[in-house]
C-alpha atoms as a PDB file:
ATOM      1  CA  MET A   1      88.962  87.423 115.888  1.00  0.00           C
ATOM      2  CA  ILE A   2      91.250  89.555 113.731  1.00  0.00           C
ATOM      3  CA  LYS A   3      93.553  87.611 111.453  1.00  0.00           C
ATOM      4  CA  ARG A   4      97.070  89.024 111.370  1.00  0.00           C
ATOM      5  CA  ARG A   5     100.074  88.814 109.100  1.00  0.00           C
ATOM      6  CA  CYS A   6     103.233  88.423 111.154  1.00  0.00           C
ATOM      7  CA  ILE A   7     106.845  89.310 110.517  1.00  0.00           C
ATOM      8  CA  TYR A   8     109.352  87.304 112.542  1.00  0.00           C
ATOM      9  CA  LEU A   9     112.816  87.567 114.077  1.00  0.00           C
ATOM     10  CA  LYS A  10     115.409  89.744 112.277  1.00  0.00           C
ATOM     11  CA  ASP A  11     112.820  90.775 109.686  1.00  0.00           C
ATOM     12  CA  ALA A  12     110.754  92.347 112.486  1.00  0.00           C
ATOM     13  CA  ASP A  13     113.704  94.568 113.424  1.00  0.00           C
ATOM     14  CA  LYS A  14     114.384  95.460 109.787  1.00  0.00           C
ATOM     15  CA  ILE A  15     110.754  96.421 109.077  1.00  0.00           C
ATOM     16  CA  ASN A  16     110.711  98.609 112.178  1.00  0.00           C
ATOM     17  CA  GLU A  17     113.552 100.685 110.724  1.00  0.00           C
ATOM     18  CA  TYR A  18     111.009 101.897 108.128  1.00  0.00           C
ATOM     19  CA  ILE A  19     107.583 101.677 109.779  1.00  0.00           C
ATOM     20  CA  VAL A  20     106.716 101.146 113.407  1.00  0.00           C
ATOM     21  CA  LEU A  21     104.795  97.969 114.134  1.00  0.00           C
ATOM     22  CA  LYS A  22     104.244  96.692 117.655  1.00  0.00           C
ATOM     23  CA  LYS A  23     106.799  93.985 118.425  1.00  0.00           C
ATOM     24  CA  THR A  24     105.935  91.171 120.818  1.00  0.00           C
ATOM     25  CA  PHE A  25     107.887  88.164 122.055  1.00  0.00           C
ATOM     26  CA  PHE A  26     106.362  84.789 121.247  1.00  0.00           C
ATOM     27  CA  CYS A  27     109.124  82.986 123.140  1.00  0.00           C
ATOM     28  CA  LYS A  28     112.202  84.089 125.100  1.00  0.00           C
ATOM     29  CA  GLU A  29     114.491  84.396 122.087  1.00  0.00           C
ATOM     30  CA  ALA A  30     112.170  85.459 119.281  1.00  0.00           C
ATOM     31  CA  MET A  31     109.870  88.329 118.492  1.00  0.00           C
ATOM     32  CA  LYS A  32     107.272  89.109 115.887  1.00  0.00           C
ATOM     33  CA  CYS A  33     105.351  92.108 114.642  1.00  0.00           C
ATOM     34  CA  GLY A  34     102.367  92.295 112.385  1.00  0.00           C
ATOM     35  CA  PHE A  35      99.258  93.955 111.069  1.00  0.00           C
ATOM     36  CA  PRO A  36      95.651  92.949 110.362  1.00  0.00           C
ATOM     37  CA  THR A  37      95.169  90.891 107.200  1.00  0.00           C
ATOM     38  CA  ASN A  38      92.519  93.288 105.933  1.00  0.00           C
ATOM     39  CA  SER A  39      95.232  96.011 105.813  1.00  0.00           C
ATOM     40  CA  LEU A  40      97.607  93.930 103.677  1.00  0.00           C
ATOM     41  CA  ASP A  41      97.245  96.027 100.509  1.00  0.00           C
ATOM     42  CA  ASP A  42      97.874  99.259 102.441  1.00  0.00           C
ATOM     43  CA  TYR A  43     101.026  97.848 104.030  1.00  0.00           C
ATOM     44  CA  MET A  44     102.240  96.447 100.697  1.00  0.00           C
ATOM     45  CA  LYS A  45     102.062 100.006  99.281  1.00  0.00           C
ATOM     46  CA  VAL A  46     104.120 101.312 102.205  1.00  0.00           C
ATOM     47  CA  PHE A  47     106.704  98.537 101.765  1.00  0.00           C
ATOM     48  CA  HIS A  48     106.861  99.271  98.034  1.00  0.00           C
ATOM     49  CA  ASN A  49     107.343 103.011  98.678  1.00  0.00           C
ATOM     50  CA  HIS A  50     110.311 102.189 100.919  1.00  0.00           C
ATOM     51  CA  GLY A  51     111.784  99.841  98.299  1.00  0.00           C
ATOM     52  CA  LEU A  52     111.431  96.809 100.569  1.00  0.00           C
ATOM     53  CA  LYS A  53     111.250  93.325  99.069  1.00  0.00           C
ATOM     54  CA  ILE A  54     108.328  91.563 100.735  1.00  0.00           C
ATOM     55  CA  GLN A  55     106.989  88.054 100.301  1.00  0.00           C
ATOM     56  CA  ILE A  56     103.718  87.022 101.961  1.00  0.00           C
ATOM     57  CA  VAL A  57     103.618  83.298 102.699  1.00  0.00           C
ATOM     58  CA  ASP A  58     100.550  81.415 103.884  1.00  0.00           C
ATOM     59  CA  ASP A  59     102.248  78.855 106.107  1.00  0.00           C
ATOM     60  CA  THR A  60      99.032  76.873 106.513  1.00  0.00           C
ATOM     61  CA  GLN A  61      99.035  76.145 102.785  1.00  0.00           C
ATOM     62  CA  GLU A  62     102.799  76.555 102.238  1.00  0.00           C
ATOM     63  CA  LYS A  63     102.407  78.826  99.238  1.00  0.00           C
ATOM     64  CA  VAL A  64     103.388  82.376  98.348  1.00  0.00           C
ATOM     65  CA  LEU A  65     100.356  84.680  98.311  1.00  0.00           C
ATOM     66  CA  LYS A  66     101.954  88.001  97.321  1.00  0.00           C
ATOM     67  CA  ARG A  67     105.405  89.038  96.329  1.00  0.00           C
ATOM     68  CA  HIS A  68     106.935  92.461  95.829  1.00  0.00           C
END
């Protein structure tokens, strides 16, 4: 099983203005997009190059893992 980092709701639309990630609905009103966890550093570089402020939160432990 591939672990994924997900971006939800309005943030998913905003991210897709800069890089294209597959968006999927997880309920009728909300969507998410994401990428494999093992690609996190690569995506953080892309976000940084676009000047995007990104915060990675591990919701299972309720703590911030990475911040840019």
